[in-house]
Amino acid sequence: MALLNQEEVQSAIENIKGWIYTDSAIHKTITFDSYMDGIQFVNQLAEHAEAINHHPDLTVGWCKVGVTFTSHDQGGVTDQCIAMAKAVDSLL
């Protein structure tokens, strides 16, 4: 699992709506109709992340969930981070 450079990350997230690249990570904030909808999403994402062993940093707020992916081992964004961003969008 190799690190992607900034150009590769930008190109990869171009087609994934709402994701931004900052501080060696990709991030998206998702708005939900209710707090519990956000919690349901977090639980679904946690199960998927655990299954493939690539876990996001999550921030839960009122009707919003922030999702950040980076490879802590590699120190930046990898293909697995991009794959997980796509998986997040498929859960929505």
N, C-alpha and C. Protein backbone atom coordinates (compact mmCIF):
# COMPACT_ATOMS: atom_id res chain seq x y z
N MET A 1 0.85 -1.17 0.00
CA MET A 1 0.00 0.00 0.00
C MET A 1 0.90 1.24 0.00
N ALA A 2 0.99 1.87 -1.14
CA ALA A 2 1.88 3.03 -1.29
C ALA A 2 1.10 4.33 -1.11
N LEU A 3 1.79 5.34 -0.63
CA LEU A 3 1.21 6.67 -0.51
C LEU A 3 0.92 7.25 -1.88
N LEU A 4 -0.17 7.98 -1.98
CA LEU A 4 -0.48 8.73 -3.19
C LEU A 4 0.05 10.14 -3.02
N ASN A 5 0.56 10.72 -4.12
CA ASN A 5 0.99 12.12 -4.03
C ASN A 5 -0.24 13.03 -4.16
N GLN A 6 -0.04 14.31 -3.95
CA GLN A 6 -1.16 15.26 -3.94
C GLN A 6 -1.94 15.22 -5.25
N GLU A 7 -1.25 15.16 -6.37
CA GLU A 7 -1.91 15.13 -7.68
C GLU A 7 -2.76 13.86 -7.83
N GLU A 8 -2.23 12.74 -7.39
CA GLU A 8 -2.97 11.47 -7.47
C GLU A 8 -4.22 11.50 -6.59
N VAL A 9 -4.09 12.08 -5.41
CA VAL A 9 -5.24 12.17 -4.50
C VAL A 9 -6.31 13.08 -5.11
N GLN A 10 -5.89 14.25 -5.58
CA GLN A 10 -6.85 15.20 -6.17
C GLN A 10 -7.58 14.57 -7.35
N SER A 11 -6.85 13.85 -8.18
CA SER A 11 -7.45 13.18 -9.33
C SER A 11 -8.44 12.11 -8.88
N ALA A 12 -8.09 11.36 -7.85
CA ALA A 12 -8.93 10.27 -7.37
C ALA A 12 -10.23 10.78 -6.74
N ILE A 13 -10.17 11.90 -6.03
CA ILE A 13 -11.38 12.38 -5.35
C ILE A 13 -12.22 13.31 -6.23
N GLU A 14 -11.72 13.63 -7.41
CA GLU A 14 -12.45 14.49 -8.33
C GLU A 14 -13.85 13.94 -8.61
N ASN A 15 -13.97 12.64 -8.70
CA ASN A 15 -15.24 12.01 -9.04
C ASN A 15 -16.00 11.49 -7.82
N ILE A 16 -15.55 11.86 -6.64
CA ILE A 16 -16.23 11.45 -5.41
C ILE A 16 -16.73 12.73 -4.74
N LYS A 17 -18.00 12.99 -4.87
CA LYS A 17 -18.60 14.27 -4.47
C LYS A 17 -18.39 14.60 -2.99
N GLY A 18 -17.90 15.81 -2.75
CA GLY A 18 -17.84 16.34 -1.40
C GLY A 18 -16.57 16.06 -0.62
N TRP A 19 -15.65 15.28 -1.18
CA TRP A 19 -14.41 14.96 -0.47
C TRP A 19 -13.36 16.02 -0.75
N ILE A 20 -12.62 16.41 0.29
CA ILE A 20 -11.53 17.36 0.13
C ILE A 20 -10.23 16.73 0.64
N TYR A 21 -9.13 17.22 0.11
CA TYR A 21 -7.81 16.76 0.52
C TYR A 21 -7.15 17.86 1.32
N THR A 22 -6.78 17.55 2.55
CA THR A 22 -6.13 18.53 3.40
C THR A 22 -5.33 17.81 4.49
N ASP A 23 -4.19 18.34 4.83
CA ASP A 23 -3.36 17.80 5.91
C ASP A 23 -3.10 16.30 5.77
N SER A 24 -2.73 15.88 4.56
CA SER A 24 -2.39 14.47 4.28
C SER A 24 -3.55 13.51 4.56
N ALA A 25 -4.77 14.00 4.38
CA ALA A 25 -5.96 13.17 4.60
C ALA A 25 -7.07 13.62 3.66
N ILE A 26 -8.07 12.77 3.50
CA ILE A 26 -9.27 13.17 2.77
C ILE A 26 -10.42 13.25 3.77
N HIS A 27 -11.30 14.21 3.56
CA HIS A 27 -12.35 14.50 4.54
C HIS A 27 -13.66 14.85 3.85
N LYS A 28 -14.75 14.46 4.49
CA LYS A 28 -16.09 14.83 4.04
C LYS A 28 -16.96 15.02 5.27
N THR A 29 -17.80 16.06 5.24
CA THR A 29 -18.81 16.27 6.26
C THR A 29 -20.16 15.95 5.64
N ILE A 30 -20.91 15.09 6.31
CA ILE A 30 -22.20 14.63 5.80
C ILE A 30 -23.29 15.12 6.73
N THR A 31 -24.36 15.67 6.15
CA THR A 31 -25.50 16.16 6.92
C THR A 31 -26.63 15.14 6.85
N PHE A 32 -27.25 14.89 7.99
CA PHE A 32 -28.35 13.93 8.09
C PHE A 32 -29.62 14.64 8.57
N ASP A 33 -30.76 14.01 8.34
CA ASP A 33 -32.04 14.58 8.76
C ASP A 33 -32.20 14.59 10.27
N SER A 34 -31.55 13.64 10.93
CA SER A 34 -31.65 13.57 12.39
C SER A 34 -30.33 13.07 12.97
N TYR A 35 -30.17 13.29 14.25
CA TYR A 35 -28.98 12.81 14.95
C TYR A 35 -28.88 11.29 14.83
N MET A 36 -29.99 10.59 15.02
CA MET A 36 -29.99 9.13 14.98
C MET A 36 -29.67 8.59 13.59
N ASP A 37 -30.05 9.31 12.53
CA ASP A 37 -29.66 8.90 11.17
C ASP A 37 -28.14 8.92 11.05
N GLY A 38 -27.51 9.94 11.62
CA GLY A 38 -26.05 10.02 11.61
C GLY A 38 -25.42 8.87 12.38
N ILE A 39 -25.99 8.54 13.51
CA ILE A 39 -25.48 7.43 14.33
C ILE A 39 -25.63 6.11 13.60
N GLN A 40 -26.75 5.90 12.92
CA GLN A 40 -26.93 4.67 12.13
C GLN A 40 -25.85 4.57 11.06
N PHE A 41 -25.58 5.69 10.39
CA PHE A 41 -24.53 5.71 9.37
C PHE A 41 -23.18 5.35 9.98
N VAL A 42 -22.86 5.95 11.13
CA VAL A 42 -21.58 5.67 11.80
C VAL A 42 -21.46 4.18 12.11
N ASN A 43 -22.52 3.58 12.58
CA ASN A 43 -22.48 2.15 12.89
C ASN A 43 -22.26 1.30 11.65
N GLN A 44 -22.92 1.64 10.54
CA GLN A 44 -22.71 0.91 9.28
C GLN A 44 -21.27 1.07 8.80
N LEU A 45 -20.77 2.29 8.86
CA LEU A 45 -19.40 2.55 8.42
C LEU A 45 -18.40 1.81 9.30
N ALA A 46 -18.64 1.79 10.60
CA ALA A 46 -17.74 1.11 11.53
C ALA A 46 -17.64 -0.38 11.21
N GLU A 47 -18.77 -1.01 10.88
CA GLU A 47 -18.75 -2.42 10.52
C GLU A 47 -17.94 -2.66 9.26
N HIS A 48 -18.14 -1.81 8.26
CA HIS A 48 -17.39 -1.95 7.00
C HIS A 48 -15.90 -1.71 7.23
N ALA A 49 -15.57 -0.67 7.97
CA ALA A 49 -14.17 -0.35 8.25
C ALA A 49 -13.47 -1.47 9.00
N GLU A 50 -14.16 -2.05 9.95
CA GLU A 50 -13.59 -3.15 10.73
C GLU A 50 -13.34 -4.37 9.85
N ALA A 51 -14.27 -4.62 8.93
CA ALA A 51 -14.15 -5.79 8.04
C ALA A 51 -12.91 -5.71 7.15
N ILE A 52 -12.54 -4.48 6.73
CA ILE A 52 -11.37 -4.37 5.86
C ILE A 52 -10.16 -3.75 6.57
N ASN A 53 -10.30 -3.49 7.86
CA ASN A 53 -9.21 -3.00 8.70
C ASN A 53 -8.62 -1.68 8.21
N HIS A 54 -9.51 -0.74 7.88
CA HIS A 54 -9.07 0.62 7.54
C HIS A 54 -10.11 1.56 8.15
N HIS A 55 -9.73 2.18 9.25
CA HIS A 55 -10.68 2.88 10.10
C HIS A 55 -10.58 4.40 9.94
N PRO A 56 -11.71 5.07 9.82
CA PRO A 56 -11.71 6.52 9.70
C PRO A 56 -11.63 7.20 11.07
N ASP A 57 -11.25 8.45 11.05
CA ASP A 57 -11.46 9.32 12.20
C ASP A 57 -12.85 9.92 12.00
N LEU A 58 -13.68 9.85 13.02
CA LEU A 58 -15.06 10.32 12.92
C LEU A 58 -15.33 11.43 13.93
N THR A 59 -16.11 12.40 13.50
CA THR A 59 -16.59 13.45 14.37
C THR A 59 -18.11 13.46 14.26
N VAL A 60 -18.78 13.27 15.38
CA VAL A 60 -20.24 13.23 15.38
C VAL A 60 -20.77 14.48 16.04
N GLY A 61 -21.67 15.15 15.34
CA GLY A 61 -22.32 16.34 15.89
C GLY A 61 -23.81 16.27 15.63
N TRP A 62 -24.50 17.35 15.90
CA TRP A 62 -25.94 17.39 15.70
C TRP A 62 -26.25 17.33 14.20
N CYS A 63 -26.75 16.18 13.76
CA CYS A 63 -27.16 15.93 12.37
C CYS A 63 -25.99 16.02 11.38
N LYS A 64 -24.76 15.93 11.86
CA LYS A 64 -23.58 15.96 10.98
C LYS A 64 -22.57 14.93 11.45
N VAL A 65 -21.91 14.32 10.46
CA VAL A 65 -20.82 13.40 10.75
C VAL A 65 -19.65 13.78 9.85
N GLY A 66 -18.50 13.99 10.45
CA GLY A 66 -17.27 14.23 9.71
C GLY A 66 -16.49 12.93 9.59
N VAL A 67 -16.04 12.62 8.38
CA VAL A 67 -15.30 11.38 8.12
C VAL A 67 -13.95 11.76 7.52
N THR A 68 -12.87 11.26 8.12
CA THR A 68 -11.52 11.54 7.64
C THR A 68 -10.77 10.23 7.48
N PHE A 69 -10.14 10.08 6.32
CA PHE A 69 -9.30 8.92 6.07
C PHE A 69 -7.87 9.35 5.80
N THR A 70 -6.96 8.65 6.45
CA THR A 70 -5.53 8.74 6.19
C THR A 70 -4.94 7.42 6.65
N SER A 71 -3.82 7.06 6.11
CA SER A 71 -3.14 5.86 6.59
C SER A 71 -2.15 6.29 7.66
N HIS A 72 -2.46 5.98 8.89
CA HIS A 72 -1.58 6.38 9.99
C HIS A 72 -0.22 5.69 9.87
N ASP A 73 -0.20 4.46 9.37
CA ASP A 73 1.06 3.73 9.18
C ASP A 73 1.92 4.37 8.10
N GLN A 74 1.27 4.81 7.01
CA GLN A 74 2.00 5.36 5.87
C GLN A 74 2.19 6.88 5.97
N GLY A 75 1.37 7.53 6.76
CA GLY A 75 1.51 8.98 6.92
C GLY A 75 0.87 9.79 5.81
N GLY A 76 -0.21 9.29 5.23
CA GLY A 76 -0.91 10.03 4.18
C GLY A 76 -2.02 9.19 3.57
N VAL A 77 -2.44 9.59 2.38
CA VAL A 77 -3.56 8.95 1.69
C VAL A 77 -3.05 7.83 0.79
N THR A 78 -3.74 6.70 0.85
CA THR A 78 -3.42 5.54 0.01
C THR A 78 -4.65 5.16 -0.81
N ASP A 79 -4.47 4.18 -1.70
CA ASP A 79 -5.61 3.68 -2.48
C ASP A 79 -6.72 3.17 -1.57
N GLN A 80 -6.35 2.61 -0.43
CA GLN A 80 -7.36 2.09 0.49
C GLN A 80 -8.22 3.23 1.06
N CYS A 81 -7.62 4.38 1.28
CA CYS A 81 -8.39 5.55 1.73
C CYS A 81 -9.41 5.95 0.67
N ILE A 82 -8.98 5.95 -0.58
CA ILE A 82 -9.88 6.30 -1.69
C ILE A 82 -11.01 5.28 -1.79
N ALA A 83 -10.68 4.01 -1.67
CA ALA A 83 -11.70 2.96 -1.72
C ALA A 83 -12.71 3.13 -0.59
N MET A 84 -12.24 3.50 0.59
CA MET A 84 -13.15 3.71 1.71
C MET A 84 -14.03 4.94 1.50
N ALA A 85 -13.49 5.98 0.87
CA ALA A 85 -14.31 7.16 0.57
C ALA A 85 -15.46 6.76 -0.35
N LYS A 86 -15.17 5.93 -1.33
CA LYS A 86 -16.23 5.44 -2.23
C LYS A 86 -17.23 4.59 -1.46
N ALA A 87 -16.75 3.80 -0.52
CA ALA A 87 -17.63 2.97 0.30
C ALA A 87 -18.55 3.84 1.16
N VAL A 88 -18.01 4.93 1.70
CA VAL A 88 -18.82 5.86 2.48
C VAL A 88 -19.99 6.34 1.63
N ASP A 89 -19.68 6.77 0.42
CA ASP A 89 -20.73 7.30 -0.45
C ASP A 89 -21.76 6.24 -0.81
N SER A 90 -21.34 5.00 -0.89
CA SER A 90 -22.30 3.93 -1.21
C SER A 90 -23.23 3.64 -0.03
N LEU A 91 -22.83 4.02 1.17
CA LEU A 91 -23.68 3.82 2.35
C LEU A 91 -24.75 4.91 2.49
N LEU A 92 -24.57 6.00 1.77
CA LEU A 92 -25.51 7.13 1.91
C LEU A 92 -26.78 6.92 1.11
